[in-house]
Amino acid sequence: MAKLVFRLNDAPEEEADAIRTLLEEHHIDYYETHSGNWGFSVAGIWIKRNEDKLQARQLIDEYQSQQHFSSPLEVESFFQMLLRQPLRVLFYLAIILFVLYFSIMPFMSMGE
């Protein structure tokens, strides 16, 4: 059974490429899944064989610990995300407003 070893959501493309190369160099079979059109699915790198999971996890952890100090953590602001993924942000805002409307609506009719 396949095991998820690396999430691609919000991972820099350079890091994802390095992980792919690392797995290929060590002859570990993997496949990728993508988040889909709406971004709800798990985008990640999956190991095909359970026996390779421990080795793959160790390789990825070692790589990330080496890269940890060389690249600063970037936090994306709301406006950067709005510019990068406007439809997703608008979709989430619509859901928030929908839930908020139905949460407040019963209390609004109490005063009538």
N, C-alpha and C. Protein backbone atom coordinates (compact mmCIF):
# COMPACT_ATOMS: atom_id res chain seq x y z
N MET A 1 0.83 -1.18 0.00
CA MET A 1 0.00 0.00 0.00
C MET A 1 0.88 1.24 0.00
N ALA A 2 0.48 2.24 -0.75
CA ALA A 2 1.27 3.47 -0.88
C ALA A 2 1.23 4.29 0.40
N LYS A 3 2.32 5.00 0.67
CA LYS A 3 2.43 5.85 1.85
C LYS A 3 2.87 7.24 1.43
N LEU A 4 2.23 8.26 1.99
CA LEU A 4 2.59 9.64 1.73
C LEU A 4 3.86 9.98 2.49
N VAL A 5 4.86 10.50 1.78
CA VAL A 5 6.11 10.88 2.45
C VAL A 5 6.43 12.36 2.33
N PHE A 6 5.77 13.06 1.38
CA PHE A 6 6.08 14.48 1.21
C PHE A 6 4.86 15.19 0.63
N ARG A 7 4.38 16.21 1.33
CA ARG A 7 3.25 16.99 0.83
C ARG A 7 3.76 18.09 -0.11
N LEU A 8 3.12 18.20 -1.27
CA LEU A 8 3.52 19.20 -2.24
C LEU A 8 2.77 20.51 -2.08
N ASN A 9 1.70 20.53 -1.29
CA ASN A 9 0.96 21.77 -1.08
C ASN A 9 1.88 22.80 -0.43
N ASP A 10 2.01 23.94 -1.05
CA ASP A 10 2.81 25.05 -0.54
C ASP A 10 4.30 24.75 -0.43
N ALA A 11 4.77 23.66 -1.03
CA ALA A 11 6.20 23.36 -1.04
C ALA A 11 6.83 24.08 -2.23
N PRO A 12 8.00 24.69 -2.05
CA PRO A 12 8.67 25.33 -3.18
C PRO A 12 9.02 24.29 -4.26
N GLU A 13 8.94 24.69 -5.50
CA GLU A 13 9.20 23.77 -6.61
C GLU A 13 10.63 23.24 -6.57
N GLU A 14 11.58 24.06 -6.12
CA GLU A 14 12.97 23.61 -6.02
C GLU A 14 13.10 22.46 -5.02
N GLU A 15 12.40 22.58 -3.90
CA GLU A 15 12.45 21.52 -2.89
C GLU A 15 11.79 20.25 -3.41
N ALA A 16 10.66 20.39 -4.08
CA ALA A 16 9.98 19.22 -4.64
C ALA A 16 10.85 18.53 -5.68
N ASP A 17 11.51 19.31 -6.53
CA ASP A 17 12.43 18.72 -7.52
C ASP A 17 13.59 18.00 -6.85
N ALA A 18 14.10 18.59 -5.78
CA ALA A 18 15.22 17.96 -5.06
C ALA A 18 14.77 16.64 -4.42
N ILE A 19 13.57 16.59 -3.90
CA ILE A 19 13.05 15.35 -3.30
C ILE A 19 12.87 14.29 -4.37
N ARG A 20 12.33 14.68 -5.53
CA ARG A 20 12.17 13.72 -6.63
C ARG A 20 13.52 13.15 -7.05
N THR A 21 14.49 14.02 -7.20
CA THR A 21 15.83 13.59 -7.60
C THR A 21 16.44 12.67 -6.56
N LEU A 22 16.27 13.01 -5.30
CA LEU A 22 16.79 12.20 -4.20
C LEU A 22 16.20 10.80 -4.23
N LEU A 23 14.91 10.70 -4.43
CA LEU A 23 14.26 9.38 -4.48
C LEU A 23 14.71 8.58 -5.70
N GLU A 24 14.87 9.26 -6.83
CA GLU A 24 15.32 8.57 -8.04
C GLU A 24 16.75 8.08 -7.90
N GLU A 25 17.62 8.88 -7.27
CA GLU A 25 19.01 8.48 -7.07
C GLU A 25 19.12 7.23 -6.20
N HIS A 26 18.18 7.06 -5.28
CA HIS A 26 18.21 5.91 -4.39
C HIS A 26 17.28 4.79 -4.86
N HIS A 27 16.79 4.91 -6.10
CA HIS A 27 15.96 3.88 -6.74
C HIS A 27 14.73 3.54 -5.91
N ILE A 28 14.07 4.57 -5.42
CA ILE A 28 12.83 4.39 -4.67
C ILE A 28 11.68 4.76 -5.60
N ASP A 29 10.78 3.81 -5.82
CA ASP A 29 9.63 4.04 -6.70
C ASP A 29 8.61 4.92 -6.00
N TYR A 30 8.14 5.94 -6.70
CA TYR A 30 7.16 6.86 -6.14
C TYR A 30 6.22 7.33 -7.24
N TYR A 31 5.15 7.95 -6.82
CA TYR A 31 4.27 8.64 -7.75
C TYR A 31 3.73 9.88 -7.07
N GLU A 32 3.16 10.79 -7.87
CA GLU A 32 2.67 12.05 -7.34
C GLU A 32 1.17 12.18 -7.55
N THR A 33 0.55 12.88 -6.62
CA THR A 33 -0.84 13.27 -6.78
C THR A 33 -0.89 14.79 -6.71
N HIS A 34 -1.90 15.35 -7.34
CA HIS A 34 -2.04 16.81 -7.37
C HIS A 34 -3.31 17.22 -6.62
N SER A 35 -3.39 18.47 -6.26
CA SER A 35 -4.49 18.93 -5.42
C SER A 35 -5.80 19.10 -6.18
N GLY A 36 -5.79 18.96 -7.46
CA GLY A 36 -7.03 19.08 -8.23
C GLY A 36 -7.37 20.52 -8.52
N ASN A 37 -8.49 20.71 -9.19
CA ASN A 37 -8.90 22.06 -9.61
C ASN A 37 -9.24 22.97 -8.44
N TRP A 38 -9.84 22.42 -7.38
CA TRP A 38 -10.26 23.23 -6.25
C TRP A 38 -9.25 23.23 -5.12
N GLY A 39 -8.22 22.41 -5.20
CA GLY A 39 -7.19 22.39 -4.17
C GLY A 39 -7.57 21.62 -2.93
N PHE A 40 -8.58 20.74 -3.00
CA PHE A 40 -9.02 20.00 -1.82
C PHE A 40 -8.30 18.66 -1.66
N SER A 41 -7.78 18.10 -2.73
CA SER A 41 -7.10 16.80 -2.65
C SER A 41 -5.70 16.97 -2.10
N VAL A 42 -5.10 15.85 -1.71
CA VAL A 42 -3.74 15.88 -1.16
C VAL A 42 -2.75 15.84 -2.32
N ALA A 43 -1.98 16.90 -2.44
CA ALA A 43 -0.90 16.92 -3.42
C ALA A 43 0.34 16.42 -2.70
N GLY A 44 0.91 15.35 -3.21
CA GLY A 44 2.06 14.80 -2.50
C GLY A 44 2.83 13.78 -3.30
N ILE A 45 3.93 13.36 -2.71
CA ILE A 45 4.76 12.30 -3.27
C ILE A 45 4.52 11.07 -2.40
N TRP A 46 4.14 9.99 -3.05
CA TRP A 46 3.79 8.75 -2.38
C TRP A 46 4.79 7.67 -2.74
N ILE A 47 5.15 6.86 -1.76
CA ILE A 47 6.05 5.73 -1.96
C ILE A 47 5.21 4.51 -2.28
N LYS A 48 5.58 3.79 -3.33
CA LYS A 48 4.78 2.65 -3.77
C LYS A 48 4.90 1.44 -2.83
N ARG A 49 6.10 1.21 -2.30
CA ARG A 49 6.31 0.02 -1.45
C ARG A 49 6.53 0.44 -0.01
N ASN A 50 5.88 -0.26 0.90
CA ASN A 50 6.02 0.04 2.33
C ASN A 50 7.46 -0.11 2.81
N GLU A 51 8.20 -1.02 2.20
CA GLU A 51 9.58 -1.28 2.63
C GLU A 51 10.48 -0.06 2.40
N ASP A 52 10.13 0.78 1.45
CA ASP A 52 10.95 1.95 1.12
C ASP A 52 10.60 3.19 1.94
N LYS A 53 9.52 3.12 2.70
CA LYS A 53 9.05 4.32 3.40
C LYS A 53 10.06 4.85 4.40
N LEU A 54 10.62 4.01 5.21
CA LEU A 54 11.57 4.45 6.23
C LEU A 54 12.80 5.10 5.60
N GLN A 55 13.34 4.46 4.57
CA GLN A 55 14.51 5.02 3.89
C GLN A 55 14.17 6.36 3.25
N ALA A 56 13.02 6.45 2.59
CA ALA A 56 12.62 7.70 1.94
C ALA A 56 12.43 8.80 2.98
N ARG A 57 11.78 8.48 4.09
CA ARG A 57 11.55 9.47 5.14
C ARG A 57 12.87 9.98 5.71
N GLN A 58 13.84 9.06 5.90
CA GLN A 58 15.15 9.46 6.42
C GLN A 58 15.88 10.37 5.44
N LEU A 59 15.82 10.03 4.15
CA LEU A 59 16.47 10.85 3.12
C LEU A 59 15.85 12.25 3.07
N ILE A 60 14.53 12.32 3.14
CA ILE A 60 13.84 13.61 3.08
C ILE A 60 14.15 14.43 4.33
N ASP A 61 14.12 13.80 5.50
CA ASP A 61 14.43 14.52 6.74
C ASP A 61 15.86 15.05 6.73
N GLU A 62 16.77 14.24 6.24
CA GLU A 62 18.18 14.66 6.16
C GLU A 62 18.33 15.84 5.21
N TYR A 63 17.68 15.76 4.06
CA TYR A 63 17.74 16.85 3.08
C TYR A 63 17.17 18.14 3.68
N GLN A 64 16.00 18.02 4.33
CA GLN A 64 15.37 19.21 4.89
C GLN A 64 16.17 19.81 6.04
N SER A 65 16.82 18.98 6.82
CA SER A 65 17.63 19.53 7.91
C SER A 65 18.85 20.27 7.38
N GLN A 66 19.38 19.82 6.25
CA GLN A 66 20.52 20.51 5.63
C GLN A 66 20.08 21.84 5.03
N GLN A 67 18.88 21.88 4.48
CA GLN A 67 18.38 23.08 3.81
C GLN A 67 17.73 24.06 4.78
N HIS A 68 17.45 23.62 5.98
CA HIS A 68 16.70 24.43 6.94
C HIS A 68 17.35 25.78 7.20
N PHE A 69 18.65 25.81 7.38
CA PHE A 69 19.32 27.05 7.73
C PHE A 69 19.69 27.89 6.52
N SER A 70 19.69 27.29 5.32
CA SER A 70 20.10 28.04 4.15
C SER A 70 18.97 28.83 3.50
N SER A 71 17.71 28.48 3.78
CA SER A 71 16.61 29.21 3.16
C SER A 71 15.67 29.73 4.24
N PRO A 72 15.41 31.04 4.22
CA PRO A 72 14.52 31.62 5.22
C PRO A 72 13.07 31.22 4.96
N LEU A 73 12.29 31.17 6.02
CA LEU A 73 10.88 30.82 5.92
C LEU A 73 10.12 32.03 5.40
N GLU A 74 9.36 31.82 4.33
CA GLU A 74 8.55 32.90 3.77
C GLU A 74 7.11 32.65 4.13
N VAL A 75 6.47 33.67 4.68
CA VAL A 75 5.06 33.58 5.00
C VAL A 75 4.32 34.46 4.01
N GLU A 76 3.34 33.88 3.36
CA GLU A 76 2.59 34.61 2.34
C GLU A 76 1.49 35.42 3.00
N SER A 77 1.40 36.69 2.65
CA SER A 77 0.35 37.53 3.20
C SER A 77 -0.97 37.27 2.48
N PHE A 78 -2.04 37.79 3.04
CA PHE A 78 -3.36 37.62 2.44
C PHE A 78 -3.38 38.20 1.02
N PHE A 79 -2.80 39.38 0.85
CA PHE A 79 -2.84 40.04 -0.45
C PHE A 79 -1.96 39.31 -1.48
N GLN A 80 -0.85 38.73 -1.04
CA GLN A 80 -0.04 37.93 -1.95
C GLN A 80 -0.81 36.69 -2.40
N MET A 81 -1.52 36.06 -1.46
CA MET A 81 -2.32 34.90 -1.82
C MET A 81 -3.47 35.31 -2.74
N LEU A 82 -4.05 36.48 -2.49
CA LEU A 82 -5.14 36.98 -3.34
C LEU A 82 -4.64 37.20 -4.76
N LEU A 83 -3.44 37.72 -4.91
CA LEU A 83 -2.88 37.93 -6.24
C LEU A 83 -2.49 36.63 -6.91
N ARG A 84 -2.00 35.67 -6.12
CA ARG A 84 -1.54 34.41 -6.69
C ARG A 84 -2.69 33.47 -7.00
N GLN A 85 -3.70 33.41 -6.13
CA GLN A 85 -4.83 32.49 -6.31
C GLN A 85 -6.14 33.22 -6.01
N PRO A 86 -6.56 34.13 -6.89
CA PRO A 86 -7.75 34.93 -6.59
C PRO A 86 -9.04 34.10 -6.50
N LEU A 87 -9.20 33.09 -7.32
CA LEU A 87 -10.42 32.30 -7.28
C LEU A 87 -10.54 31.51 -5.98
N ARG A 88 -9.45 30.96 -5.53
CA ARG A 88 -9.47 30.21 -4.28
C ARG A 88 -9.82 31.12 -3.10
N VAL A 89 -9.23 32.30 -3.07
CA VAL A 89 -9.50 33.25 -1.98
C VAL A 89 -10.96 33.67 -2.01
N LEU A 90 -11.48 33.98 -3.18
CA LEU A 90 -12.89 34.38 -3.29
C LEU A 90 -13.83 33.23 -2.90
N PHE A 91 -13.46 32.02 -3.27
CA PHE A 91 -14.26 30.85 -2.89
C PHE A 91 -14.29 30.69 -1.38
N TYR A 92 -13.14 30.80 -0.72
CA TYR A 92 -13.10 30.69 0.73
C TYR A 92 -13.88 31.82 1.41
N LEU A 93 -13.77 33.03 0.87
CA LEU A 93 -14.53 34.15 1.44
C LEU A 93 -16.03 33.92 1.30
N ALA A 94 -16.45 33.36 0.16
CA ALA A 94 -17.87 33.06 -0.05
C ALA A 94 -18.36 32.03 0.97
N ILE A 95 -17.55 31.02 1.24
CA ILE A 95 -17.92 30.01 2.24
C ILE A 95 -18.02 30.64 3.63
N ILE A 96 -17.08 31.50 3.96
CA ILE A 96 -17.09 32.16 5.27
C ILE A 96 -18.34 33.01 5.42
N LEU A 97 -18.67 33.78 4.38
CA LEU A 97 -19.87 34.63 4.44
C LEU A 97 -21.14 33.79 4.52
N PHE A 98 -21.17 32.67 3.82
CA PHE A 98 -22.32 31.77 3.84
C PHE A 98 -22.54 31.23 5.26
N VAL A 99 -21.49 30.74 5.88
CA VAL A 99 -21.59 30.21 7.24
C VAL A 99 -21.95 31.32 8.23
N LEU A 100 -21.34 32.46 8.07
CA LEU A 100 -21.63 33.59 8.95
C LEU A 100 -23.09 34.02 8.83
N TYR A 101 -23.60 34.08 7.62
CA TYR A 101 -25.00 34.48 7.40
C TYR A 101 -25.95 33.53 8.12
N PHE A 102 -25.75 32.22 7.93
CA PHE A 102 -26.66 31.26 8.55
C PHE A 102 -26.42 31.11 10.05
N SER A 103 -25.29 31.56 10.54
CA SER A 103 -25.05 31.54 11.99
C SER A 103 -25.73 32.71 12.69
N ILE A 104 -25.79 33.84 12.01
CA ILE A 104 -26.33 35.07 12.62
C ILE A 104 -27.83 35.22 12.33
N MET A 105 -28.30 34.70 11.23
CA MET A 105 -29.69 34.90 10.80
C MET A 105 -30.74 34.54 11.86
N PRO A 106 -30.63 33.44 12.59
CA PRO A 106 -31.66 33.15 13.62
C PRO A 106 -31.74 34.21 14.70
N PHE A 107 -30.65 34.83 15.03
CA PHE A 107 -30.64 35.87 16.08
C PHE A 107 -31.19 37.19 15.56
N MET A 108 -31.11 37.44 14.27
CA MET A 108 -31.61 38.67 13.69
C MET A 108 -33.14 38.69 13.70
N SER A 109 -33.77 37.52 13.59
CA SER A 109 -35.24 37.49 13.55
C SER A 109 -35.85 37.46 14.96
N MET A 110 -35.05 37.37 15.99
CA MET A 110 -35.57 37.32 17.37
C MET A 110 -36.20 38.66 17.79
N GLY A 111 -35.69 39.74 17.30
CA GLY A 111 -36.19 41.04 17.72
C GLY A 111 -37.48 41.44 17.04
N GLU A 112 -37.95 40.73 16.08
CA GLU A 112 -39.15 41.09 15.35
C GLU A 112 -40.40 40.60 16.01
